[in-house]
Amino acid sequence: MVKLIFEFDKAEIAKAGLTEDELLAEVREYAKKNKISETSFGVFEKDGEDALCLLMMIAHNILCDRPHYLDCLKSLMLDDEGEIEDCVEIAKEWSDKE
């Protein structure tokens, strides 16, 4: 099982005039299209051989085009069978390159 866990910076969200639900709307749409479950608020899970790729595409396709979104995240934890990594810095690097 692979999980992607969003933890938001509430002060940054308030400063941007957004809500957590607004930030997760596009992620939820992508998850629904790709049969990824939101098992609790901001926690997306998928099992199977394509799970890691599909969850990483959230960071690449959705977050990299929106630097303000990255500012609103405290962490974006990718849990691949217990191997955990915070993807915020990686997403910021991808965003800077694009």
PDB file of N, CA and C in Angstrom:
ATOM      1  N   MET A   1       0.850  -1.183   0.000  1.00  0.00           N
ATOM      2  CA  MET A   1       0.000   0.000   0.000  1.00  0.00           C
ATOM      3  C   MET A   1       0.892   1.242   0.000  1.00  0.00           C
ATOM      4  N   VAL A   2       0.545   2.187  -0.859  1.00  0.00           N
ATOM      5  CA  VAL A   2       1.268   3.454  -0.940  1.00  0.00           C
ATOM      6  C   VAL A   2       0.317   4.560  -0.503  1.00  0.00           C
ATOM      7  N   LYS A   3       0.836   5.481   0.312  1.00  0.00           N
ATOM      8  CA  LYS A   3       0.026   6.600   0.814  1.00  0.00           C
ATOM      9  C   LYS A   3       0.712   7.923   0.481  1.00  0.00           C
ATOM     10  N   LEU A   4      -0.102   8.933   0.226  1.00  0.00           N
ATOM     11  CA  LEU A   4       0.366  10.306   0.096  1.00  0.00           C
ATOM     12  C   LEU A   4      -0.428  11.117   1.107  1.00  0.00           C
ATOM     13  N   ILE A   5       0.281  11.757   2.037  1.00  0.00           N
ATOM     14  CA  ILE A   5      -0.356  12.417   3.172  1.00  0.00           C
ATOM     15  C   ILE A   5      -0.062  13.918   3.143  1.00  0.00           C
ATOM     16  N   PHE A   6      -1.119  14.713   3.020  1.00  0.00           N
ATOM     17  CA  PHE A   6      -1.003  16.169   2.986  1.00  0.00           C
ATOM     18  C   PHE A   6      -1.149  16.721   4.394  1.00  0.00           C
ATOM     19  N   GLU A   7      -0.203  17.556   4.815  1.00  0.00           N
ATOM     20  CA  GLU A   7      -0.313  18.292   6.073  1.00  0.00           C
ATOM     21  C   GLU A   7      -0.150  19.767   5.738  1.00  0.00           C
ATOM     22  N   PHE A   8      -1.179  20.542   6.020  1.00  0.00           N
ATOM     23  CA  PHE A   8      -1.204  21.937   5.607  1.00  0.00           C
ATOM     24  C   PHE A   8      -0.723  22.892   6.695  1.00  0.00           C
ATOM     25  N   ASP A   9      -0.191  24.022   6.242  1.00  0.00           N
ATOM     26  CA  ASP A   9       0.210  25.121   7.108  1.00  0.00           C
ATOM     27  C   ASP A   9      -0.981  26.075   7.175  1.00  0.00           C
ATOM     28  N   LYS A  10      -1.714  26.018   8.255  1.00  0.00           N
ATOM     29  CA  LYS A  10      -2.963  26.770   8.383  1.00  0.00           C
ATOM     30  C   LYS A  10      -2.757  28.286   8.252  1.00  0.00           C
ATOM     31  N   ALA A  11      -1.631  28.797   8.741  1.00  0.00           N
ATOM     32  CA  ALA A  11      -1.354  30.233   8.634  1.00  0.00           C
ATOM     33  C   ALA A  11      -1.154  30.633   7.175  1.00  0.00           C
ATOM     34  N   GLU A  12      -0.435  29.833   6.424  1.00  0.00           N
ATOM     35  CA  GLU A  12      -0.213  30.127   4.995  1.00  0.00           C
ATOM     36  C   GLU A  12      -1.518  30.033   4.203  1.00  0.00           C
ATOM     37  N   ILE A  13      -2.358  29.061   4.555  1.00  0.00           N
ATOM     38  CA  ILE A  13      -3.647  28.920   3.873  1.00  0.00           C
ATOM     39  C   ILE A  13      -4.508  30.149   4.125  1.00  0.00           C
ATOM     40  N   ALA A  14      -4.550  30.608   5.377  1.00  0.00           N
ATOM     41  CA  ALA A  14      -5.333  31.796   5.719  1.00  0.00           C
ATOM     42  C   ALA A  14      -4.791  33.026   4.982  1.00  0.00           C
ATOM     43  N   LYS A  15      -3.468  33.145   4.927  1.00  0.00           N
ATOM     44  CA  LYS A  15      -2.836  34.270   4.246  1.00  0.00           C
ATOM     45  C   LYS A  15      -3.191  34.270   2.750  1.00  0.00           C
ATOM     46  N   ALA A  16      -3.301  33.078   2.167  1.00  0.00           N
ATOM     47  CA  ALA A  16      -3.634  32.953   0.744  1.00  0.00           C
ATOM     48  C   ALA A  16      -5.137  33.082   0.491  1.00  0.00           C
ATOM     49  N   GLY A  17      -5.933  33.100   1.562  1.00  0.00           N
ATOM     50  CA  GLY A  17      -7.380  33.208   1.412  1.00  0.00           C
ATOM     51  C   GLY A  17      -8.021  31.944   0.860  1.00  0.00           C
ATOM     52  N   LEU A  18      -7.438  30.799   1.203  1.00  0.00           N
ATOM     53  CA  LEU A  18      -7.913  29.505   0.713  1.00  0.00           C
ATOM     54  C   LEU A  18      -8.367  28.633   1.874  1.00  0.00           C
ATOM     55  N   THR A  19      -8.905  27.465   1.529  1.00  0.00           N
ATOM     56  CA  THR A  19      -9.239  26.453   2.533  1.00  0.00           C
ATOM     57  C   THR A  19      -8.539  25.151   2.145  1.00  0.00           C
ATOM     58  N   GLU A  20      -8.420  24.251   3.099  1.00  0.00           N
ATOM     59  CA  GLU A  20      -7.833  22.947   2.819  1.00  0.00           C
ATOM     60  C   GLU A  20      -8.651  22.203   1.768  1.00  0.00           C
ATOM     61  N   ASP A  21      -9.971  22.293   1.865  1.00  0.00           N
ATOM     62  CA  ASP A  21     -10.828  21.620   0.888  1.00  0.00           C
ATOM     63  C   ASP A  21     -10.621  22.174  -0.524  1.00  0.00           C
ATOM     64  N   GLU A  22     -10.435  23.474  -0.647  1.00  0.00           N
ATOM     65  CA  GLU A  22     -10.154  24.051  -1.964  1.00  0.00           C
ATOM     66  C   GLU A  22      -8.840  23.511  -2.521  1.00  0.00           C
ATOM     67  N   LEU A  23      -7.845  23.409  -1.669  1.00  0.00           N
ATOM     68  CA  LEU A  23      -6.547  22.908  -2.110  1.00  0.00           C
ATOM     69  C   LEU A  23      -6.609  21.432  -2.501  1.00  0.00           C
ATOM     70  N   LEU A  24      -7.459  20.684  -1.831  1.00  0.00           N
ATOM     71  CA  LEU A  24      -7.555  19.250  -2.118  1.00  0.00           C
ATOM     72  C   LEU A  24      -8.534  18.920  -3.254  1.00  0.00           C
ATOM     73  N   ALA A  25      -9.298  19.885  -3.721  1.00  0.00           N
ATOM     74  CA  ALA A  25     -10.329  19.607  -4.731  1.00  0.00           C
ATOM     75  C   ALA A  25      -9.747  18.953  -5.984  1.00  0.00           C
ATOM     76  N   GLU A  26      -8.700  19.504  -6.543  1.00  0.00           N
ATOM     77  CA  GLU A  26      -8.111  18.947  -7.762  1.00  0.00           C
ATOM     78  C   GLU A  26      -7.438  17.598  -7.491  1.00  0.00           C
ATOM     79  N   VAL A  27      -6.844  17.466  -6.311  1.00  0.00           N
ATOM     80  CA  VAL A  27      -6.240  16.193  -5.924  1.00  0.00           C
ATOM     81  C   VAL A  27      -7.331  15.129  -5.834  1.00  0.00           C
ATOM     82  N   ARG A  28      -8.447  15.475  -5.239  1.00  0.00           N
ATOM     83  CA  ARG A  28      -9.562  14.522  -5.117  1.00  0.00           C
ATOM     84  C   ARG A  28     -10.117  14.124  -6.489  1.00  0.00           C
ATOM     85  N   GLU A  29     -10.185  15.084  -7.392  1.00  0.00           N
ATOM     86  CA  GLU A  29     -10.661  14.785  -8.749  1.00  0.00           C
ATOM     87  C   GLU A  29      -9.706  13.798  -9.435  1.00  0.00           C
ATOM     88  N   TYR A  30      -8.405  14.074  -9.338  1.00  0.00           N
ATOM     89  CA  TYR A  30      -7.397  13.180  -9.909  1.00  0.00           C
ATOM     90  C   TYR A  30      -7.491  11.796  -9.263  1.00  0.00           C
ATOM     91  N   ALA A  31      -7.644  11.772  -7.945  1.00  0.00           N
ATOM     92  CA  ALA A  31      -7.725  10.504  -7.219  1.00  0.00           C
ATOM     93  C   ALA A  31      -8.926   9.689  -7.689  1.00  0.00           C
ATOM     94  N   LYS A  32     -10.053  10.337  -7.855  1.00  0.00           N
ATOM     95  CA  LYS A  32     -11.259   9.641  -8.291  1.00  0.00           C
ATOM     96  C   LYS A  32     -11.055   9.024  -9.673  1.00  0.00           C
ATOM     97  N   LYS A  33     -10.456   9.773 -10.587  1.00  0.00           N
ATOM     98  CA  LYS A  33     -10.212   9.291 -11.948  1.00  0.00           C
ATOM     99  C   LYS A  33      -9.257   8.096 -11.966  1.00  0.00           C
ATOM    100  N   ASN A  34      -8.364   8.033 -10.973  1.00  0.00           N
ATOM    101  CA  ASN A  34      -7.329   7.011 -10.950  1.00  0.00           C
ATOM    102  C   ASN A  34      -7.538   5.951  -9.877  1.00  0.00           C
ATOM    103  N   LYS A  35      -8.757   5.903  -9.342  1.00  0.00           N
ATOM    104  CA  LYS A  35      -9.130   4.897  -8.345  1.00  0.00           C
ATOM    105  C   LYS A  35      -8.188   4.892  -7.136  1.00  0.00           C
ATOM    106  N   ILE A  36      -7.889   6.105  -6.671  1.00  0.00           N
ATOM    107  CA  ILE A  36      -7.094   6.305  -5.463  1.00  0.00           C
ATOM    108  C   ILE A  36      -8.075   6.686  -4.361  1.00  0.00           C
ATOM    109  N   SER A  37      -7.982   6.042  -3.213  1.00  0.00           N
ATOM    110  CA  SER A  37      -8.910   6.292  -2.104  1.00  0.00           C
ATOM    111  C   SER A  37      -8.385   7.385  -1.183  1.00  0.00           C
ATOM    112  N   GLU A  38      -9.276   8.273  -0.747  1.00  0.00           N
ATOM    113  CA  GLU A  38      -8.947   9.200   0.333  1.00  0.00           C
ATOM    114  C   GLU A  38      -9.477   8.545   1.602  1.00  0.00           C
ATOM    115  N   THR A  39      -8.587   7.921   2.351  1.00  0.00           N
ATOM    116  CA  THR A  39      -8.990   7.106   3.498  1.00  0.00           C
ATOM    117  C   THR A  39      -9.274   7.927   4.751  1.00  0.00           C
ATOM    118  N   SER A  40      -8.695   9.107   4.824  1.00  0.00           N
ATOM    119  CA  SER A  40      -9.031  10.090   5.837  1.00  0.00           C
ATOM    120  C   SER A  40      -8.649  11.441   5.236  1.00  0.00           C
ATOM    121  N   PHE A  41      -8.954  12.518   5.938  1.00  0.00           N
ATOM    122  CA  PHE A  41      -8.760  13.842   5.354  1.00  0.00           C
ATOM    123  C   PHE A  41      -7.308  14.051   4.922  1.00  0.00           C
ATOM    124  N   GLY A  42      -7.110  14.231   3.604  1.00  0.00           N
ATOM    125  CA  GLY A  42      -5.783  14.504   3.074  1.00  0.00           C
ATOM    126  C   GLY A  42      -4.867  13.307   2.990  1.00  0.00           C
ATOM    127  N   VAL A  43      -5.397  12.103   3.178  1.00  0.00           N
ATOM    128  CA  VAL A  43      -4.591  10.873   3.098  1.00  0.00           C
ATOM    129  C   VAL A  43      -5.121  10.051   1.921  1.00  0.00           C
ATOM    130  N   PHE A  44      -4.276   9.902   0.910  1.00  0.00           N
ATOM    131  CA  PHE A  44      -4.654   9.198  -0.308  1.00  0.00           C
ATOM    132  C   PHE A  44      -3.869   7.900  -0.398  1.00  0.00           C
ATOM    133  N   GLU A  45      -4.571   6.789  -0.684  1.00  0.00           N
ATOM    134  CA  GLU A  45      -3.949   5.470  -0.691  1.00  0.00           C
ATOM    135  C   GLU A  45      -4.324   4.690  -1.941  1.00  0.00           C
ATOM    136  N   LYS A  46      -3.363   3.915  -2.399  1.00  0.00           N
ATOM    137  CA  LYS A  46      -3.600   3.016  -3.521  1.00  0.00           C
ATOM    138  C   LYS A  46      -2.682   1.814  -3.363  1.00  0.00           C
ATOM    139  N   ASP A  47      -3.175   0.681  -3.823  1.00  0.00           N
ATOM    140  CA  ASP A  47      -2.409  -0.554  -3.805  1.00  0.00           C
ATOM    141  C   ASP A  47      -2.202  -1.004  -5.246  1.00  0.00           C
ATOM    142  N   GLY A  48      -1.151  -1.751  -5.490  1.00  0.00           N
ATOM    143  CA  GLY A  48      -0.903  -2.291  -6.817  1.00  0.00           C
ATOM    144  C   GLY A  48       0.377  -1.756  -7.420  1.00  0.00           C
ATOM    145  N   GLU A  49       0.717  -2.306  -8.576  1.00  0.00           N
ATOM    146  CA  GLU A  49       2.007  -1.981  -9.175  1.00  0.00           C
ATOM    147  C   GLU A  49       2.097  -0.553  -9.683  1.00  0.00           C
ATOM    148  N   ASP A  50       0.987   0.099  -9.981  1.00  0.00           N
ATOM    149  CA  ASP A  50       1.032   1.471 -10.470  1.00  0.00           C
ATOM    150  C   ASP A  50       0.796   2.506  -9.370  1.00  0.00           C
ATOM    151  N   ALA A  51       0.644   2.078  -8.141  1.00  0.00           N
ATOM    152  CA  ALA A  51       0.289   2.973  -7.035  1.00  0.00           C
ATOM    153  C   ALA A  51       1.321   4.075  -6.820  1.00  0.00           C
ATOM    154  N   LEU A  52       2.579   3.730  -6.748  1.00  0.00           N
ATOM    155  CA  LEU A  52       3.624   4.719  -6.483  1.00  0.00           C
ATOM    156  C   LEU A  52       3.647   5.773  -7.590  1.00  0.00           C
ATOM    157  N   CYS A  53       3.602   5.338  -8.818  1.00  0.00           N
ATOM    158  CA  CYS A  53       3.630   6.260  -9.951  1.00  0.00           C
ATOM    159  C   CYS A  53       2.422   7.197  -9.926  1.00  0.00           C
ATOM    160  N   LEU A  54       1.237   6.658  -9.728  1.00  0.00           N
ATOM    161  CA  LEU A  54       0.033   7.483  -9.731  1.00  0.00           C
ATOM    162  C   LEU A  54       0.039   8.512  -8.605  1.00  0.00           C
ATOM    163  N   LEU A  55       0.510   8.126  -7.435  1.00  0.00           N
ATOM    164  CA  LEU A  55       0.553   9.077  -6.324  1.00  0.00           C
ATOM    165  C   LEU A  55       1.636  10.135  -6.534  1.00  0.00           C
ATOM    166  N   MET A  56       2.761   9.748  -7.106  1.00  0.00           N
ATOM    167  CA  MET A  56       3.816  10.731  -7.394  1.00  0.00           C
ATOM    168  C   MET A  56       3.362  11.735  -8.463  1.00  0.00           C
ATOM    169  N   MET A  57       2.491  11.290  -9.352  1.00  0.00           N
ATOM    170  CA  MET A  57       1.997  12.197 -10.390  1.00  0.00           C
ATOM    171  C   MET A  57       1.156  13.323  -9.794  1.00  0.00           C
ATOM    172  N   ILE A  58       0.590  13.110  -8.621  1.00  0.00           N
ATOM    173  CA  ILE A  58      -0.122  14.201  -7.945  1.00  0.00           C
ATOM    174  C   ILE A  58       0.868  15.329  -7.679  1.00  0.00           C
ATOM    175  N   ALA A  59       2.011  14.981  -7.117  1.00  0.00           N
ATOM    176  CA  ALA A  59       3.027  15.992  -6.825  1.00  0.00           C
ATOM    177  C   ALA A  59       3.503  16.671  -8.106  1.00  0.00           C
ATOM    178  N   HIS A  60       3.728  15.889  -9.126  1.00  0.00           N
ATOM    179  CA  HIS A  60       4.255  16.459 -10.357  1.00  0.00           C
ATOM    180  C   HIS A  60       3.211  17.264 -11.129  1.00  0.00           C
ATOM    181  N   ASN A  61       2.083  16.684 -11.420  1.00  0.00           N
ATOM    182  CA  ASN A  61       1.090  17.332 -12.287  1.00  0.00           C
ATOM    183  C   ASN A  61       0.302  18.440 -11.617  1.00  0.00           C
ATOM    184  N   ILE A  62       0.014  18.306 -10.367  1.00  0.00           N
ATOM    185  CA  ILE A  62      -0.848  19.274  -9.705  1.00  0.00           C
ATOM    186  C   ILE A  62      -0.040  20.317  -8.936  1.00  0.00           C
ATOM    187  N   LEU A  63       0.908  19.898  -8.158  1.00  0.00           N
ATOM    188  CA  LEU A  63       1.604  20.823  -7.272  1.00  0.00           C
ATOM    189  C   LEU A  63       2.647  21.676  -7.967  1.00  0.00           C
ATOM    190  N   CYS A  64       3.319  21.148  -8.955  1.00  0.00           N
ATOM    191  CA  CYS A  64       4.428  21.873  -9.572  1.00  0.00           C
ATOM    192  C   CYS A  64       3.983  23.112 -10.323  1.00  0.00           C
ATOM    193  N   ASP A  65       2.754  23.117 -10.795  1.00  0.00           N
ATOM    194  CA  ASP A  65       2.248  24.271 -11.528  1.00  0.00           C
ATOM    195  C   ASP A  65       1.698  25.357 -10.608  1.00  0.00           C
ATOM    196  N   ARG A  66       1.677  25.093  -9.310  1.00  0.00           N
ATOM    197  CA  ARG A  66       1.062  26.010  -8.365  1.00  0.00           C
ATOM    198  C   ARG A  66       1.972  26.266  -7.164  1.00  0.00           C
ATOM    199  N   PRO A  67       2.936  27.172  -7.323  1.00  0.00           N
ATOM    200  CA  PRO A  67       3.863  27.436  -6.206  1.00  0.00           C
ATOM    201  C   PRO A  67       3.148  27.844  -4.920  1.00  0.00           C
ATOM    202  N   HIS A  68       2.003  28.547  -5.034  1.00  0.00           N
ATOM    203  CA  HIS A  68       1.274  28.957  -3.827  1.00  0.00           C
ATOM    204  C   HIS A  68       0.783  27.731  -3.049  1.00  0.00           C
ATOM    205  N   TYR A  69       0.480  26.653  -3.763  1.00  0.00           N
ATOM    206  CA  TYR A  69       0.031  25.415  -3.122  1.00  0.00           C
ATOM    207  C   TYR A  69       1.163  24.854  -2.267  1.00  0.00           C
ATOM    208  N   LEU A  70       2.343  24.854  -2.828  1.00  0.00           N
ATOM    209  CA  LEU A  70       3.498  24.325  -2.088  1.00  0.00           C
ATOM    210  C   LEU A  70       3.759  25.138  -0.827  1.00  0.00           C
ATOM    211  N   ASP A  71       3.526  26.452  -0.890  1.00  0.00           N
ATOM    212  CA  ASP A  71       3.711  27.293   0.294  1.00  0.00           C
ATOM    213  C   ASP A  71       2.720  26.940   1.397  1.00  0.00           C
ATOM    214  N   CYS A  72       1.584  26.369   1.011  1.00  0.00           N
ATOM    215  CA  CYS A  72       0.534  26.032   1.973  1.00  0.00           C
ATOM    216  C   CYS A  72       0.728  24.659   2.627  1.00  0.00           C
ATOM    217  N   LEU A  73       1.772  23.950   2.222  1.00  0.00           N
ATOM    218  CA  LEU A  73       2.025  22.619   2.779  1.00  0.00           C
ATOM    219  C   LEU A  73       3.116  22.649   3.844  1.00  0.00           C
ATOM    220  N   LYS A  74       2.841  22.013   4.982  1.00  0.00           N
ATOM    221  CA  LYS A  74       3.891  21.752   5.971  1.00  0.00           C
ATOM    222  C   LYS A  74       4.707  20.565   5.503  1.00  0.00           C
ATOM    223  N   SER A  75       3.976  19.533   5.050  1.00  0.00           N
ATOM    224  CA  SER A  75       4.644  18.333   4.556  1.00  0.00           C
ATOM    225  C   SER A  75       3.735  17.619   3.563  1.00  0.00           C
ATOM    226  N   LEU A  76       4.365  16.813   2.743  1.00  0.00           N
ATOM    227  CA  LEU A  76       3.678  15.957   1.799  1.00  0.00           C
ATOM    228  C   LEU A  76       4.395  14.618   1.873  1.00  0.00           C
ATOM    229  N   MET A  77       3.908  13.776   2.762  1.00  0.00           N
ATOM    230  CA  MET A  77       4.599  12.532   3.063  1.00  0.00           C
ATOM    231  C   MET A  77       4.177  11.416   2.113  1.00  0.00           C
ATOM    232  N   LEU A  78       5.149  10.801   1.490  1.00  0.00           N
ATOM    233  CA  LEU A  78       4.921   9.639   0.648  1.00  0.00           C
ATOM    234  C   LEU A  78       5.374   8.421   1.438  1.00  0.00           C
ATOM    235  N   ASP A  79       4.444   7.517   1.686  1.00  0.00           N
ATOM    236  CA  ASP A  79       4.707   6.303   2.454  1.00  0.00           C
ATOM    237  C   ASP A  79       4.560   5.110   1.512  1.00  0.00           C
ATOM    238  N   ASP A  80       5.689   4.541   1.137  1.00  0.00           N
ATOM    239  CA  ASP A  80       5.710   3.377   0.245  1.00  0.00           C
ATOM    240  C   ASP A  80       6.095   2.157   1.072  1.00  0.00           C
ATOM    241  N   GLU A  81       5.058   1.457   1.560  1.00  0.00           N
ATOM    242  CA  GLU A  81       5.285   0.243   2.357  1.00  0.00           C
ATOM    243  C   GLU A  81       6.197   0.508   3.561  1.00  0.00           C
ATOM    244  N   GLY A  82       6.010   1.652   4.235  1.00  0.00           N
ATOM    245  CA  GLY A  82       6.784   1.980   5.425  1.00  0.00           C
ATOM    246  C   GLY A  82       8.029   2.805   5.153  1.00  0.00           C
ATOM    247  N   GLU A  83       8.425   2.962   3.899  1.00  0.00           N
ATOM    248  CA  GLU A  83       9.536   3.837   3.534  1.00  0.00           C
ATOM    249  C   GLU A  83       8.937   5.214   3.293  1.00  0.00           C
ATOM    250  N   ILE A  84       9.241   6.170   4.191  1.00  0.00           N
ATOM    251  CA  ILE A  84       8.557   7.459   4.201  1.00  0.00           C
ATOM    252  C   ILE A  84       9.511   8.582   3.807  1.00  0.00           C
ATOM    253  N   GLU A  85       9.003   9.473   2.942  1.00  0.00           N
ATOM    254  CA  GLU A  85       9.794  10.620   2.499  1.00  0.00           C
ATOM    255  C   GLU A  85       8.880  11.829   2.366  1.00  0.00           C
ATOM    256  N   ASP A  86       9.376  12.994   2.793  1.00  0.00           N
ATOM    257  CA  ASP A  86       8.642  14.241   2.623  1.00  0.00           C
ATOM    258  C   ASP A  86       8.947  14.775   1.224  1.00  0.00           C
ATOM    259  N   CYS A  87       7.929  14.943   0.414  1.00  0.00           N
ATOM    260  CA  CYS A  87       8.089  15.309  -0.995  1.00  0.00           C
ATOM    261  C   CYS A  87       7.983  16.804  -1.267  1.00  0.00           C
ATOM    262  N   VAL A  88       7.831  17.633  -0.259  1.00  0.00           N
ATOM    263  CA  VAL A  88       7.662  19.069  -0.492  1.00  0.00           C
ATOM    264  C   VAL A  88       8.885  19.646  -1.199  1.00  0.00           C
ATOM    265  N   GLU A  89      10.068  19.356  -0.721  1.00  0.00           N
ATOM    266  CA  GLU A  89      11.275  19.919  -1.336  1.00  0.00           C
ATOM    267  C   GLU A  89      11.462  19.425  -2.766  1.00  0.00           C
ATOM    268  N   ILE A  90      11.176  18.164  -3.005  1.00  0.00           N
ATOM    269  CA  ILE A  90      11.280  17.608  -4.362  1.00  0.00           C
ATOM    270  C   ILE A  90      10.287  18.314  -5.282  1.00  0.00           C
ATOM    271  N   ALA A  91       9.066  18.509  -4.814  1.00  0.00           N
ATOM    272  CA  ALA A  91       8.048  19.194  -5.620  1.00  0.00           C
ATOM    273  C   ALA A  91       8.470  20.635  -5.899  1.00  0.00           C
ATOM    274  N   LYS A  92       9.078  21.298  -4.919  1.00  0.00           N
ATOM    275  CA  LYS A  92       9.563  22.672  -5.140  1.00  0.00           C
ATOM    276  C   LYS A  92      10.669  22.690  -6.199  1.00  0.00           C
ATOM    277  N   GLU A  93      11.558  21.700  -6.164  1.00  0.00           N
ATOM    278  CA  GLU A  93      12.608  21.615  -7.182  1.00  0.00           C
ATOM    279  C   GLU A  93      12.009  21.407  -8.565  1.00  0.00           C
ATOM    280  N   TRP A  94      11.020  20.524  -8.680  1.00  0.00           N
ATOM    281  CA  TRP A  94      10.349  20.292  -9.969  1.00  0.00           C
ATOM    282  C   TRP A  94       9.684  21.576 -10.441  1.00  0.00           C
ATOM    283  N   SER A  95       9.034  22.267  -9.524  1.00  0.00           N
ATOM    284  CA  SER A  95       8.329  23.501  -9.861  1.00  0.00           C
ATOM    285  C   SER A  95       9.308  24.556 -10.373  1.00  0.00           C
ATOM    286  N   ASP A  96      10.464  24.670  -9.742  1.00  0.00           N
ATOM    287  CA  ASP A  96      11.470  25.643 -10.150  1.00  0.00           C
ATOM    288  C   ASP A  96      12.003  25.353 -11.547  1.00  0.00           C
ATOM    289  N   LYS A  97      12.089  24.060 -11.900  1.00  0.00           N
ATOM    290  CA  LYS A  97      12.606  23.676 -13.214  1.00  0.00           C
ATOM    291  C   LYS A  97      11.611  23.936 -14.329  1.00  0.00           C
ATOM    292  N   GLU A  98      10.325  23.934 -13.990  1.00  0.00           N
ATOM    293  CA  GLU A  98       9.280  24.069 -15.016  1.00  0.00           C
ATOM    294  C   GLU A  98       8.895  25.480 -15.174  1.00  0.00           C
TER     295      GLU A  98
END
